[in-house]
Amino acid sequence: MAFKELRIKVSAEQKKESVTLASDGRLLVSVRDKREDGKANLRALMLVSEYLNVPSTHVTILRGHNLPTKTLRIRTAM
């Protein structure tokens, strides 16, 4: 089993949900949910997993649970 780290920036309470690749290589994730009770984080993980075409159970937050900028751990096949 292999792991890959990915940096993202989450913008909560947006009108439109999206995932875009920034020029610095991180993903910019916009979600409709609020930053309370981890709702925005959960939705961001779902959107990233769809974008990367991996199961949502393979994507976890490694660092930045309470910050807009996060580091994710992606479990990948070898």
PDB file of N, CA and C in Angstrom:
ATOM      1  N   MET A   1       0.846  -1.174   0.000  1.00  0.00           N
ATOM      2  CA  MET A   1       0.000   0.000   0.000  1.00  0.00           C
ATOM      3  C   MET A   1       0.896   1.244   0.000  1.00  0.00           C
ATOM      4  N   ALA A   2       0.591   2.178  -0.855  1.00  0.00           N
ATOM      5  CA  ALA A   2       1.386   3.401  -0.966  1.00  0.00           C
ATOM      6  C   ALA A   2       0.525   4.607  -0.596  1.00  0.00           C
ATOM      7  N   PHE A   3       1.193   5.645  -0.121  1.00  0.00           N
ATOM      8  CA  PHE A   3       0.506   6.877   0.240  1.00  0.00           C
ATOM      9  C   PHE A   3       1.126   8.051  -0.489  1.00  0.00           C
ATOM     10  N   LYS A   4       0.282   9.041  -0.749  1.00  0.00           N
ATOM     11  CA  LYS A   4       0.713  10.259  -1.409  1.00  0.00           C
ATOM     12  C   LYS A   4       0.153  11.420  -0.598  1.00  0.00           C
ATOM     13  N   GLU A   5       0.916  12.486  -0.444  1.00  0.00           N
ATOM     14  CA  GLU A   5       0.422  13.674   0.254  1.00  0.00           C
ATOM     15  C   GLU A   5       0.030  14.731  -0.760  1.00  0.00           C
ATOM     16  N   LEU A   6      -1.021  15.471  -0.436  1.00  0.00           N
ATOM     17  CA  LEU A   6      -1.556  16.485  -1.335  1.00  0.00           C
ATOM     18  C   LEU A   6      -1.967  17.694  -0.510  1.00  0.00           C
ATOM     19  N   ARG A   7      -1.580  18.878  -0.944  1.00  0.00           N
ATOM     20  CA  ARG A   7      -1.984  20.112  -0.265  1.00  0.00           C
ATOM     21  C   ARG A   7      -3.249  20.653  -0.912  1.00  0.00           C
ATOM     22  N   ILE A   8      -4.181  21.113  -0.072  1.00  0.00           N
ATOM     23  CA  ILE A   8      -5.404  21.734  -0.572  1.00  0.00           C
ATOM     24  C   ILE A   8      -5.685  22.995   0.227  1.00  0.00           C
ATOM     25  N   LYS A   9      -6.514  23.854  -0.345  1.00  0.00           N
ATOM     26  CA  LYS A   9      -7.029  25.028   0.376  1.00  0.00           C
ATOM     27  C   LYS A   9      -8.542  24.985   0.248  1.00  0.00           C
ATOM     28  N   VAL A  10      -9.219  24.985   1.381  1.00  0.00           N
ATOM     29  CA  VAL A  10     -10.671  24.872   1.410  1.00  0.00           C
ATOM     30  C   VAL A  10     -11.301  26.236   1.669  1.00  0.00           C
ATOM     31  N   SER A  11     -12.266  26.595   0.836  1.00  0.00           N
ATOM     32  CA  SER A  11     -13.072  27.803   1.041  1.00  0.00           C
ATOM     33  C   SER A  11     -14.488  27.346   1.356  1.00  0.00           C
ATOM     34  N   ALA A  12     -14.940  27.623   2.569  1.00  0.00           N
ATOM     35  CA  ALA A  12     -16.264  27.183   3.014  1.00  0.00           C
ATOM     36  C   ALA A  12     -17.330  28.236   2.710  1.00  0.00           C
ATOM     37  N   GLU A  13     -18.574  27.812   2.770  1.00  0.00           N
ATOM     38  CA  GLU A  13     -19.751  28.665   2.583  1.00  0.00           C
ATOM     39  C   GLU A  13     -19.754  29.377   1.235  1.00  0.00           C
ATOM     40  N   GLN A  14     -19.391  28.662   0.182  1.00  0.00           N
ATOM     41  CA  GLN A  14     -19.388  29.221  -1.170  1.00  0.00           C
ATOM     42  C   GLN A  14     -20.696  28.874  -1.874  1.00  0.00           C
ATOM     43  N   LYS A  15     -21.064  29.636  -2.875  1.00  0.00           N
ATOM     44  CA  LYS A  15     -22.300  29.380  -3.613  1.00  0.00           C
ATOM     45  C   LYS A  15     -22.178  28.169  -4.527  1.00  0.00           C
ATOM     46  N   LYS A  16     -20.965  27.963  -5.063  1.00  0.00           N
ATOM     47  CA  LYS A  16     -20.748  26.869  -6.004  1.00  0.00           C
ATOM     48  C   LYS A  16     -19.616  25.981  -5.503  1.00  0.00           C
ATOM     49  N   GLU A  17     -19.830  24.670  -5.536  1.00  0.00           N
ATOM     50  CA  GLU A  17     -18.786  23.732  -5.143  1.00  0.00           C
ATOM     51  C   GLU A  17     -17.904  23.421  -6.342  1.00  0.00           C
ATOM     52  N   SER A  18     -16.587  23.370  -6.087  1.00  0.00           N
ATOM     53  CA  SER A  18     -15.661  23.080  -7.178  1.00  0.00           C
ATOM     54  C   SER A  18     -14.319  22.626  -6.635  1.00  0.00           C
ATOM     55  N   VAL A  19     -13.554  21.980  -7.511  1.00  0.00           N
ATOM     56  CA  VAL A  19     -12.167  21.610  -7.231  1.00  0.00           C
ATOM     57  C   VAL A  19     -11.359  22.039  -8.448  1.00  0.00           C
ATOM     58  N   THR A  20     -10.354  22.890  -8.227  1.00  0.00           N
ATOM     59  CA  THR A  20      -9.504  23.348  -9.326  1.00  0.00           C
ATOM     60  C   THR A  20      -8.040  23.223  -8.927  1.00  0.00           C
ATOM     61  N   LEU A  21      -7.210  23.032  -9.919  1.00  0.00           N
ATOM     62  CA  LEU A  21      -5.775  22.913  -9.699  1.00  0.00           C
ATOM     63  C   LEU A  21      -5.139  24.291  -9.778  1.00  0.00           C
ATOM     64  N   ALA A  22      -4.443  24.694  -8.717  1.00  0.00           N
ATOM     65  CA  ALA A  22      -3.765  25.992  -8.682  1.00  0.00           C
ATOM     66  C   ALA A  22      -2.405  25.875  -9.355  1.00  0.00           C
ATOM     67  N   SER A  23      -1.815  27.008  -9.696  1.00  0.00           N
ATOM     68  CA  SER A  23      -0.522  27.013 -10.373  1.00  0.00           C
ATOM     69  C   SER A  23       0.611  26.468  -9.495  1.00  0.00           C
ATOM     70  N   ASP A  24       0.428  26.492  -8.172  1.00  0.00           N
ATOM     71  CA  ASP A  24       1.460  25.970  -7.264  1.00  0.00           C
ATOM     72  C   ASP A  24       1.312  24.472  -6.998  1.00  0.00           C
ATOM     73  N   GLY A  25       0.340  23.823  -7.642  1.00  0.00           N
ATOM     74  CA  GLY A  25       0.182  22.380  -7.529  1.00  0.00           C
ATOM     75  C   GLY A  25      -0.831  21.914  -6.500  1.00  0.00           C
ATOM     76  N   ARG A  26      -1.330  22.807  -5.676  1.00  0.00           N
ATOM     77  CA  ARG A  26      -2.337  22.382  -4.701  1.00  0.00           C
ATOM     78  C   ARG A  26      -3.730  22.489  -5.309  1.00  0.00           C
ATOM     79  N   LEU A  27      -4.690  21.857  -4.666  1.00  0.00           N
ATOM     80  CA  LEU A  27      -6.073  21.930  -5.123  1.00  0.00           C
ATOM     81  C   LEU A  27      -6.808  23.005  -4.334  1.00  0.00           C
ATOM     82  N   LEU A  28      -7.603  23.795  -5.032  1.00  0.00           N
ATOM     83  CA  LEU A  28      -8.470  24.788  -4.399  1.00  0.00           C
ATOM     84  C   LEU A  28      -9.865  24.186  -4.373  1.00  0.00           C
ATOM     85  N   VAL A  29     -10.407  23.995  -3.173  1.00  0.00           N
ATOM     86  CA  VAL A  29     -11.686  23.306  -3.002  1.00  0.00           C
ATOM     87  C   VAL A  29     -12.696  24.275  -2.415  1.00  0.00           C
ATOM     88  N   SER A  30     -13.794  24.495  -3.121  1.00  0.00           N
ATOM     89  CA  SER A  30     -14.879  25.345  -2.635  1.00  0.00           C
ATOM     90  C   SER A  30     -16.050  24.458  -2.249  1.00  0.00           C
ATOM     91  N   VAL A  31     -16.580  24.663  -1.036  1.00  0.00           N
ATOM     92  CA  VAL A  31     -17.706  23.870  -0.544  1.00  0.00           C
ATOM     93  C   VAL A  31     -18.816  24.781  -0.046  1.00  0.00           C
ATOM     94  N   ARG A  32     -20.032  24.277  -0.072  1.00  0.00           N
ATOM     95  CA  ARG A  32     -21.180  25.043   0.415  1.00  0.00           C
ATOM     96  C   ARG A  32     -21.314  24.996   1.932  1.00  0.00           C
ATOM     97  N   ASP A  33     -20.831  23.917   2.532  1.00  0.00           N
ATOM     98  CA  ASP A  33     -21.015  23.712   3.969  1.00  0.00           C
ATOM     99  C   ASP A  33     -20.249  24.728   4.816  1.00  0.00           C
ATOM    100  N   LYS A  34     -20.722  24.886   6.061  1.00  0.00           N
ATOM    101  CA  LYS A  34     -20.083  25.793   7.012  1.00  0.00           C
ATOM    102  C   LYS A  34     -18.903  25.112   7.676  1.00  0.00           C
ATOM    103  N   ARG A  35     -18.045  25.911   8.301  1.00  0.00           N
ATOM    104  CA  ARG A  35     -16.860  25.412   9.002  1.00  0.00           C
ATOM    105  C   ARG A  35     -17.186  24.926  10.410  1.00  0.00           C
ATOM    106  N   GLU A  36     -18.340  24.412  10.647  1.00  0.00           N
ATOM    107  CA  GLU A  36     -18.686  23.960  11.989  1.00  0.00           C
ATOM    108  C   GLU A  36     -18.846  22.447  12.017  1.00  0.00           C
ATOM    109  N   ASP A  37     -18.406  21.843  13.100  1.00  0.00           N
ATOM    110  CA  ASP A  37     -18.521  20.402  13.320  1.00  0.00           C
ATOM    111  C   ASP A  37     -17.870  19.571  12.217  1.00  0.00           C
ATOM    112  N   GLY A  38     -16.883  20.132  11.538  1.00  0.00           N
ATOM    113  CA  GLY A  38     -16.163  19.385  10.505  1.00  0.00           C
ATOM    114  C   GLY A  38     -16.932  19.168   9.220  1.00  0.00           C
ATOM    115  N   LYS A  39     -18.051  19.860   9.046  1.00  0.00           N
ATOM    116  CA  LYS A  39     -18.887  19.665   7.849  1.00  0.00           C
ATOM    117  C   LYS A  39     -18.146  20.048   6.570  1.00  0.00           C
ATOM    118  N   ALA A  40     -17.455  21.184   6.580  1.00  0.00           N
ATOM    119  CA  ALA A  40     -16.721  21.627   5.390  1.00  0.00           C
ATOM    120  C   ALA A  40     -15.580  20.663   5.080  1.00  0.00           C
ATOM    121  N   ASN A  41     -14.908  20.166   6.110  1.00  0.00           N
ATOM    122  CA  ASN A  41     -13.823  19.208   5.901  1.00  0.00           C
ATOM    123  C   ASN A  41     -14.340  17.923   5.251  1.00  0.00           C
ATOM    124  N   LEU A  42     -15.437  17.393   5.769  1.00  0.00           N
ATOM    125  CA  LEU A  42     -15.993  16.159   5.208  1.00  0.00           C
ATOM    126  C   LEU A  42     -16.389  16.336   3.753  1.00  0.00           C
ATOM    127  N   ARG A  43     -17.020  17.452   3.450  1.00  0.00           N
ATOM    128  CA  ARG A  43     -17.427  17.701   2.055  1.00  0.00           C
ATOM    129  C   ARG A  43     -16.207  17.880   1.166  1.00  0.00           C
ATOM    130  N   ALA A  44     -15.184  18.564   1.672  1.00  0.00           N
ATOM    131  CA  ALA A  44     -13.958  18.742   0.891  1.00  0.00           C
ATOM    132  C   ALA A  44     -13.315  17.393   0.583  1.00  0.00           C
ATOM    133  N   LEU A  45     -13.283  16.494   1.555  1.00  0.00           N
ATOM    134  CA  LEU A  45     -12.726  15.162   1.327  1.00  0.00           C
ATOM    135  C   LEU A  45     -13.513  14.414   0.258  1.00  0.00           C
ATOM    136  N   MET A  46     -14.825  14.541   0.294  1.00  0.00           N
ATOM    137  CA  MET A  46     -15.669  13.878  -0.719  1.00  0.00           C
ATOM    138  C   MET A  46     -15.380  14.435  -2.114  1.00  0.00           C
ATOM    139  N   LEU A  47     -15.290  15.757  -2.230  1.00  0.00           N
ATOM    140  CA  LEU A  47     -15.031  16.373  -3.532  1.00  0.00           C
ATOM    141  C   LEU A  47     -13.651  16.002  -4.067  1.00  0.00           C
ATOM    142  N   VAL A  48     -12.661  15.974  -3.190  1.00  0.00           N
ATOM    143  CA  VAL A  48     -11.308  15.604  -3.620  1.00  0.00           C
ATOM    144  C   VAL A  48     -11.273  14.142  -4.064  1.00  0.00           C
ATOM    145  N   SER A  49     -11.946  13.274  -3.336  1.00  0.00           N
ATOM    146  CA  SER A  49     -11.953  11.860  -3.725  1.00  0.00           C
ATOM    147  C   SER A  49     -12.622  11.672  -5.089  1.00  0.00           C
ATOM    148  N   GLU A  50     -13.689  12.416  -5.347  1.00  0.00           N
ATOM    149  CA  GLU A  50     -14.337  12.356  -6.669  1.00  0.00           C
ATOM    150  C   GLU A  50     -13.401  12.891  -7.748  1.00  0.00           C
ATOM    151  N   TYR A  51     -12.730  13.990  -7.460  1.00  0.00           N
ATOM    152  CA  TYR A  51     -11.808  14.612  -8.421  1.00  0.00           C
ATOM    153  C   TYR A  51     -10.664  13.671  -8.779  1.00  0.00           C
ATOM    154  N   LEU A  52     -10.140  12.961  -7.763  1.00  0.00           N
ATOM    155  CA  LEU A  52      -9.017  12.048  -7.976  1.00  0.00           C
ATOM    156  C   LEU A  52      -9.460  10.642  -8.384  1.00  0.00           C
ATOM    157  N   ASN A  53     -10.770  10.402  -8.357  1.00  0.00           N
ATOM    158  CA  ASN A  53     -11.342   9.103  -8.719  1.00  0.00           C
ATOM    159  C   ASN A  53     -10.809   7.983  -7.814  1.00  0.00           C
ATOM    160  N   VAL A  54     -10.824   8.257  -6.508  1.00  0.00           N
ATOM    161  CA  VAL A  54     -10.460   7.255  -5.509  1.00  0.00           C
ATOM    162  C   VAL A  54     -11.599   7.175  -4.488  1.00  0.00           C
ATOM    163  N   PRO A  55     -11.738   6.044  -3.786  1.00  0.00           N
ATOM    164  CA  PRO A  55     -12.782   5.951  -2.759  1.00  0.00           C
ATOM    165  C   PRO A  55     -12.566   6.997  -1.658  1.00  0.00           C
ATOM    166  N   SER A  56     -13.648   7.509  -1.124  1.00  0.00           N
ATOM    167  CA  SER A  56     -13.535   8.544  -0.087  1.00  0.00           C
ATOM    168  C   SER A  56     -12.837   8.021   1.158  1.00  0.00           C
ATOM    169  N   THR A  57     -12.869   6.718   1.399  1.00  0.00           N
ATOM    170  CA  THR A  57     -12.193   6.134   2.557  1.00  0.00           C
ATOM    171  C   THR A  57     -10.672   6.145   2.399  1.00  0.00           C
ATOM    172  N   HIS A  58     -10.171   6.451   1.204  1.00  0.00           N
ATOM    173  CA  HIS A  58      -8.734   6.504   0.946  1.00  0.00           C
ATOM    174  C   HIS A  58      -8.160   7.910   1.123  1.00  0.00           C
ATOM    175  N   VAL A  59      -8.996   8.872   1.499  1.00  0.00           N
ATOM    176  CA  VAL A  59      -8.561  10.263   1.640  1.00  0.00           C
ATOM    177  C   VAL A  59      -8.779  10.706   3.091  1.00  0.00           C
ATOM    178  N   THR A  60      -7.694  11.131   3.754  1.00  0.00           N
ATOM    179  CA  THR A  60      -7.790  11.596   5.137  1.00  0.00           C
ATOM    180  C   THR A  60      -6.978  12.883   5.306  1.00  0.00           C
ATOM    181  N   ILE A  61      -7.357  13.676   6.309  1.00  0.00           N
ATOM    182  CA  ILE A  61      -6.621  14.904   6.620  1.00  0.00           C
ATOM    183  C   ILE A  61      -5.444  14.538   7.520  1.00  0.00           C
ATOM    184  N   LEU A  62      -4.269  14.885   7.088  1.00  0.00           N
ATOM    185  CA  LEU A  62      -3.049  14.621   7.841  1.00  0.00           C
ATOM    186  C   LEU A  62      -2.725  15.806   8.760  1.00  0.00           C
ATOM    187  N   ARG A  63      -2.813  17.022   8.210  1.00  0.00           N
ATOM    188  CA  ARG A  63      -2.549  18.253   8.969  1.00  0.00           C
ATOM    189  C   ARG A  63      -3.521  19.344   8.524  1.00  0.00           C
ATOM    190  N   GLY A  64      -3.847  20.242   9.465  1.00  0.00           N
ATOM    191  CA  GLY A  64      -4.656  21.408   9.131  1.00  0.00           C
ATOM    192  C   GLY A  64      -6.141  21.230   9.347  1.00  0.00           C
ATOM    193  N   HIS A  65      -6.542  20.389  10.300  1.00  0.00           N
ATOM    194  CA  HIS A  65      -7.966  20.161  10.547  1.00  0.00           C
ATOM    195  C   HIS A  65      -8.751  21.453  10.770  1.00  0.00           C
ATOM    196  N   ASN A  66      -8.143  22.427  11.433  1.00  0.00           N
ATOM    197  CA  ASN A  66      -8.847  23.672  11.766  1.00  0.00           C
ATOM    198  C   ASN A  66      -8.369  24.863  10.946  1.00  0.00           C
ATOM    199  N   LEU A  67      -7.655  24.599   9.857  1.00  0.00           N
ATOM    200  CA  LEU A  67      -7.124  25.660   9.007  1.00  0.00           C
ATOM    201  C   LEU A  67      -7.649  25.506   7.582  1.00  0.00           C
ATOM    202  N   PRO A  68      -7.699  26.594   6.821  1.00  0.00           N
ATOM    203  CA  PRO A  68      -8.118  26.484   5.420  1.00  0.00           C
ATOM    204  C   PRO A  68      -7.141  25.668   4.575  1.00  0.00           C
ATOM    205  N   THR A  69      -5.848  25.760   4.876  1.00  0.00           N
ATOM    206  CA  THR A  69      -4.836  25.011   4.132  1.00  0.00           C
ATOM    207  C   THR A  69      -4.601  23.685   4.840  1.00  0.00           C
ATOM    208  N   LYS A  70      -4.744  22.596   4.109  1.00  0.00           N
ATOM    209  CA  LYS A  70      -4.646  21.268   4.693  1.00  0.00           C
ATOM    210  C   LYS A  70      -3.695  20.397   3.886  1.00  0.00           C
ATOM    211  N   THR A  71      -3.153  19.391   4.537  1.00  0.00           N
ATOM    212  CA  THR A  71      -2.375  18.361   3.872  1.00  0.00           C
ATOM    213  C   THR A  71      -3.164  17.070   3.985  1.00  0.00           C
ATOM    214  N   LEU A  72      -3.442  16.456   2.848  1.00  0.00           N
ATOM    215  CA  LEU A  72      -4.199  15.209   2.821  1.00  0.00           C
ATOM    216  C   LEU A  72      -3.275  14.040   2.579  1.00  0.00           C
ATOM    217  N   ARG A  73      -3.667  12.873   3.069  1.00  0.00           N
ATOM    218  CA  ARG A  73      -2.986  11.625   2.755  1.00  0.00           C
ATOM    219  C   ARG A  73      -3.934  10.813   1.861  1.00  0.00           C
ATOM    220  N   ILE A  74      -3.439  10.453   0.693  1.00  0.00           N
ATOM    221  CA  ILE A  74      -4.211   9.692  -0.273  1.00  0.00           C
ATOM    222  C   ILE A  74      -3.623   8.284  -0.339  1.00  0.00           C
ATOM    223  N   ARG A  75      -4.437   7.273  -0.113  1.00  0.00           N
ATOM    224  CA  ARG A  75      -3.965   5.892  -0.247  1.00  0.00           C
ATOM    225  C   ARG A  75      -4.118   5.501  -1.708  1.00  0.00           C
ATOM    226  N   THR A  76      -3.016   5.052  -2.296  1.00  0.00           N
ATOM    227  CA  THR A  76      -3.009   4.694  -3.714  1.00  0.00           C
ATOM    228  C   THR A  76      -2.609   3.244  -3.892  1.00  0.00           C
ATOM    229  N   ALA A  77      -2.966   2.677  -5.019  1.00  0.00           N
ATOM    230  CA  ALA A  77      -2.547   1.326  -5.355  1.00  0.00           C
ATOM    231  C   ALA A  77      -1.110   1.366  -5.837  1.00  0.00           C
ATOM    232  N   MET A  78      -0.386   0.306  -5.574  1.00  0.00           N
ATOM    233  CA  MET A  78       1.022   0.265  -6.001  1.00  0.00           C
ATOM    234  C   MET A  78       1.149  -0.158  -7.436  1.00  0.00           C
TER     235      MET A  78
END
